[in-house]
Amino acid sequence: TDHRIGFTTHNMDGVFDGDLFEVTEALQKEEMAQKLEAAGMG
C-alpha cells in the first residue's frame, strides 16, 4: 500500500518479480492529477 497515492496491491510476489505495471500506472495517474490541479483544470 502506498497511502500517498491511494494504491494497494495484493500481488506482492509479482511486484518483487518486476511486474511493476500496476505501480507505474498508479504513479502516472497521480502525477497527471497533480499537474491538472496545478494548471487549474482538476
Protein backbone atom coordinates (compact mmCIF):
# COMPACT_ATOMS: atom_id res chain seq x y z
CA THR A 1 0.00 0.00 0.00
CA ASP A 2 1.18 3.48 -0.86
CA HIS A 3 -1.04 5.86 1.05
CA ARG A 4 0.38 8.88 -0.77
CA ILE A 5 -1.32 7.85 -4.00
CA GLY A 6 -4.03 5.57 -2.60
CA PHE A 7 -2.59 2.45 -4.23
CA THR A 8 -2.88 -1.07 -2.84
CA THR A 9 -1.80 -4.32 -4.42
CA HIS A 10 -2.15 -7.89 -3.23
CA ASN A 11 0.28 -9.14 -5.88
CA MET A 12 3.49 -8.54 -3.97
CA ASP A 13 5.17 -11.58 -5.50
CA GLY A 14 4.61 -10.07 -8.93
CA VAL A 15 5.95 -6.69 -7.82
CA PHE A 16 9.03 -8.34 -6.34
CA ASP A 17 9.50 -10.24 -9.61
CA GLY A 18 9.50 -6.95 -11.54
CA ASP A 19 5.85 -6.74 -12.64
CA LEU A 20 5.52 -3.02 -11.97
CA PHE A 21 2.75 -2.11 -14.43
CA GLU A 22 0.12 -1.52 -11.72
CA VAL A 23 2.55 0.53 -9.64
CA THR A 24 3.74 2.73 -12.50
CA GLU A 25 0.19 3.20 -13.78
CA ALA A 26 -0.97 4.42 -10.35
CA LEU A 27 2.01 6.77 -10.08
CA GLN A 28 1.37 8.18 -13.57
CA LYS A 29 -2.32 8.77 -12.80
CA GLU A 30 -1.47 10.61 -9.59
CA GLU A 31 1.17 12.71 -11.34
CA MET A 32 -1.32 13.68 -14.06
CA ALA A 33 -3.97 14.57 -11.47
CA GLN A 34 -1.49 16.81 -9.66
CA LYS A 35 -0.47 18.53 -12.90
CA LEU A 36 -4.10 19.14 -13.89
CA GLU A 37 -4.88 20.53 -10.45
CA ALA A 38 -1.85 22.83 -10.59
CA ALA A 39 -2.98 24.07 -14.00
CA GLY A 40 -6.46 24.79 -12.64
CA MET A 41 -8.03 22.02 -14.70
CA GLY A 42 -8.67 19.49 -11.96
